[in-house]
N, C-alpha and C. Protein backbone atom coordinates (compact mmCIF):
# COMPACT_ATOMS: atom_id res chain seq x y z
N MET A 1 -13.76 14.59 9.88
CA MET A 1 -12.43 14.25 9.39
C MET A 1 -12.43 12.80 8.90
N ALA A 2 -11.94 12.59 7.71
CA ALA A 2 -11.93 11.25 7.12
C ALA A 2 -10.84 10.40 7.77
N LYS A 3 -11.12 9.11 7.86
CA LYS A 3 -10.11 8.19 8.37
C LYS A 3 -8.98 8.06 7.35
N LYS A 4 -7.82 7.73 7.85
CA LYS A 4 -6.64 7.55 6.99
C LYS A 4 -6.03 6.19 7.26
N LEU A 5 -5.29 5.71 6.28
CA LEU A 5 -4.53 4.49 6.42
C LEU A 5 -3.05 4.82 6.29
N ARG A 6 -2.25 4.23 7.16
CA ARG A 6 -0.80 4.36 7.07
C ARG A 6 -0.30 3.07 6.45
N ILE A 7 0.30 3.19 5.27
CA ILE A 7 0.72 2.02 4.50
C ILE A 7 2.24 2.06 4.36
N GLU A 8 2.89 0.94 4.70
CA GLU A 8 4.35 0.84 4.62
C GLU A 8 4.74 -0.35 3.77
N LEU A 9 5.67 -0.15 2.85
CA LEU A 9 6.19 -1.24 2.02
C LEU A 9 7.24 -1.98 2.83
N ILE A 10 6.98 -3.25 3.13
CA ILE A 10 7.90 -4.01 3.98
C ILE A 10 8.63 -5.10 3.22
N LYS A 11 8.25 -5.35 1.97
CA LYS A 11 8.91 -6.38 1.18
C LYS A 11 9.12 -5.87 -0.24
N SER A 12 10.19 -6.28 -0.87
CA SER A 12 10.54 -5.80 -2.21
C SER A 12 9.55 -6.28 -3.26
N THR A 13 9.42 -5.48 -4.31
CA THR A 13 8.56 -5.87 -5.43
C THR A 13 9.33 -6.64 -6.50
N ILE A 14 10.61 -6.87 -6.27
CA ILE A 14 11.41 -7.63 -7.23
C ILE A 14 10.84 -9.05 -7.33
N GLY A 15 10.61 -9.49 -8.56
CA GLY A 15 10.09 -10.83 -8.78
C GLY A 15 8.58 -10.93 -8.73
N GLN A 16 7.90 -9.83 -8.43
CA GLN A 16 6.44 -9.84 -8.39
C GLN A 16 5.90 -9.62 -9.80
N LYS A 17 4.63 -9.98 -9.97
CA LYS A 17 3.98 -9.77 -11.26
C LYS A 17 3.83 -8.27 -11.51
N PRO A 18 3.87 -7.87 -12.77
CA PRO A 18 3.77 -6.44 -13.09
C PRO A 18 2.53 -5.76 -12.51
N GLU A 19 1.42 -6.49 -12.41
CA GLU A 19 0.20 -5.91 -11.84
C GLU A 19 0.39 -5.54 -10.37
N LYS A 20 1.11 -6.38 -9.64
CA LYS A 20 1.36 -6.10 -8.22
C LYS A 20 2.31 -4.92 -8.06
N VAL A 21 3.33 -4.86 -8.91
CA VAL A 21 4.28 -3.74 -8.87
C VAL A 21 3.54 -2.44 -9.16
N ALA A 22 2.65 -2.46 -10.16
CA ALA A 22 1.89 -1.27 -10.51
C ALA A 22 0.97 -0.84 -9.38
N THR A 23 0.40 -1.80 -8.67
CA THR A 23 -0.48 -1.48 -7.54
C THR A 23 0.31 -0.80 -6.43
N VAL A 24 1.48 -1.34 -6.12
CA VAL A 24 2.34 -0.74 -5.08
C VAL A 24 2.72 0.68 -5.48
N ARG A 25 3.09 0.88 -6.73
CA ARG A 25 3.47 2.22 -7.21
C ARG A 25 2.29 3.19 -7.14
N SER A 26 1.10 2.72 -7.49
CA SER A 26 -0.06 3.60 -7.49
C SER A 26 -0.49 3.96 -6.07
N LEU A 27 -0.11 3.16 -5.10
CA LEU A 27 -0.34 3.53 -3.70
C LEU A 27 0.61 4.63 -3.26
N GLY A 28 1.67 4.86 -4.03
CA GLY A 28 2.63 5.92 -3.70
C GLY A 28 3.89 5.40 -3.03
N LEU A 29 4.07 4.09 -3.04
CA LEU A 29 5.24 3.49 -2.40
C LEU A 29 6.32 3.23 -3.44
N LYS A 30 7.56 3.56 -3.08
CA LYS A 30 8.66 3.36 -4.02
C LYS A 30 9.72 2.41 -3.49
N LYS A 31 10.22 2.69 -2.29
CA LYS A 31 11.31 1.89 -1.74
C LYS A 31 10.82 1.13 -0.50
N ILE A 32 11.56 0.11 -0.12
CA ILE A 32 11.25 -0.62 1.10
C ILE A 32 11.31 0.36 2.27
N ASN A 33 10.41 0.20 3.20
CA ASN A 33 10.25 1.05 4.39
C ASN A 33 9.68 2.42 4.08
N SER A 34 9.28 2.67 2.84
CA SER A 34 8.62 3.94 2.56
C SER A 34 7.19 3.89 3.10
N VAL A 35 6.71 5.03 3.57
CA VAL A 35 5.40 5.11 4.21
C VAL A 35 4.58 6.20 3.54
N VAL A 36 3.30 5.91 3.31
CA VAL A 36 2.38 6.91 2.80
C VAL A 36 1.10 6.86 3.63
N GLU A 37 0.39 7.98 3.63
CA GLU A 37 -0.92 8.04 4.25
C GLU A 37 -1.94 8.26 3.15
N GLN A 38 -2.93 7.38 3.10
CA GLN A 38 -3.99 7.46 2.09
C GLN A 38 -5.33 7.54 2.81
N ASN A 39 -6.32 8.14 2.15
CA ASN A 39 -7.67 8.14 2.69
C ASN A 39 -8.21 6.71 2.70
N ASP A 40 -9.04 6.42 3.68
CA ASP A 40 -9.61 5.09 3.83
C ASP A 40 -10.84 4.96 2.93
N THR A 41 -10.62 4.53 1.69
CA THR A 41 -11.72 4.33 0.74
C THR A 41 -11.74 2.87 0.31
N PRO A 42 -12.87 2.40 -0.22
CA PRO A 42 -12.92 1.01 -0.69
C PRO A 42 -11.88 0.71 -1.77
N ALA A 43 -11.58 1.68 -2.63
CA ALA A 43 -10.58 1.45 -3.68
C ALA A 43 -9.20 1.22 -3.08
N ILE A 44 -8.83 2.06 -2.13
CA ILE A 44 -7.51 1.91 -1.48
C ILE A 44 -7.46 0.61 -0.70
N ARG A 45 -8.55 0.27 0.00
CA ARG A 45 -8.60 -1.00 0.75
C ARG A 45 -8.40 -2.19 -0.18
N GLY A 46 -9.00 -2.15 -1.35
CA GLY A 46 -8.85 -3.23 -2.32
C GLY A 46 -7.43 -3.35 -2.82
N MET A 47 -6.79 -2.21 -3.06
CA MET A 47 -5.40 -2.21 -3.51
C MET A 47 -4.49 -2.80 -2.43
N VAL A 48 -4.73 -2.40 -1.20
CA VAL A 48 -3.92 -2.92 -0.09
C VAL A 48 -4.14 -4.43 0.06
N ALA A 49 -5.37 -4.87 -0.10
CA ALA A 49 -5.66 -6.30 0.04
C ALA A 49 -4.96 -7.11 -1.05
N SER A 50 -4.83 -6.54 -2.25
CA SER A 50 -4.21 -7.29 -3.34
C SER A 50 -2.70 -7.41 -3.19
N VAL A 51 -2.09 -6.53 -2.40
CA VAL A 51 -0.65 -6.62 -2.16
C VAL A 51 -0.36 -6.76 -0.66
N ALA A 52 -1.26 -7.42 0.05
CA ALA A 52 -1.15 -7.55 1.50
C ALA A 52 0.14 -8.26 1.93
N HIS A 53 0.68 -9.12 1.07
CA HIS A 53 1.92 -9.83 1.39
C HIS A 53 3.15 -8.94 1.28
N LEU A 54 2.99 -7.72 0.74
CA LEU A 54 4.12 -6.81 0.56
C LEU A 54 4.07 -5.59 1.47
N VAL A 55 2.89 -5.29 2.03
CA VAL A 55 2.72 -4.06 2.79
C VAL A 55 2.20 -4.33 4.19
N LYS A 56 2.39 -3.32 5.04
CA LYS A 56 1.80 -3.31 6.39
C LYS A 56 0.89 -2.11 6.43
N CYS A 57 -0.33 -2.30 6.92
CA CYS A 57 -1.32 -1.24 6.89
C CYS A 57 -1.95 -1.10 8.27
N GLU A 58 -2.14 0.16 8.71
CA GLU A 58 -2.82 0.41 9.97
C GLU A 58 -3.67 1.67 9.86
N GLU A 59 -4.76 1.68 10.59
CA GLU A 59 -5.66 2.82 10.58
C GLU A 59 -5.14 3.90 11.51
N ILE A 60 -5.26 5.15 11.08
CA ILE A 60 -4.93 6.28 11.95
C ILE A 60 -6.08 7.28 11.87
N ASN A 61 -6.17 8.13 12.87
CA ASN A 61 -7.27 9.12 12.87
C ASN A 61 -6.73 10.51 12.66
């Protein structure tokens, strides 16, 4: 079974650069406090790292 990441948007994307907004959207997050589960891949990790100031991320099994 692959590891998963639980990603939650904790800060608004208003006022952020368009690249950061697009990254948040591509993770599947739309509104503040929305939560998604993504597979733990290097691509997803990189996306989370680039918007780390906007999201909260934790590993789940």
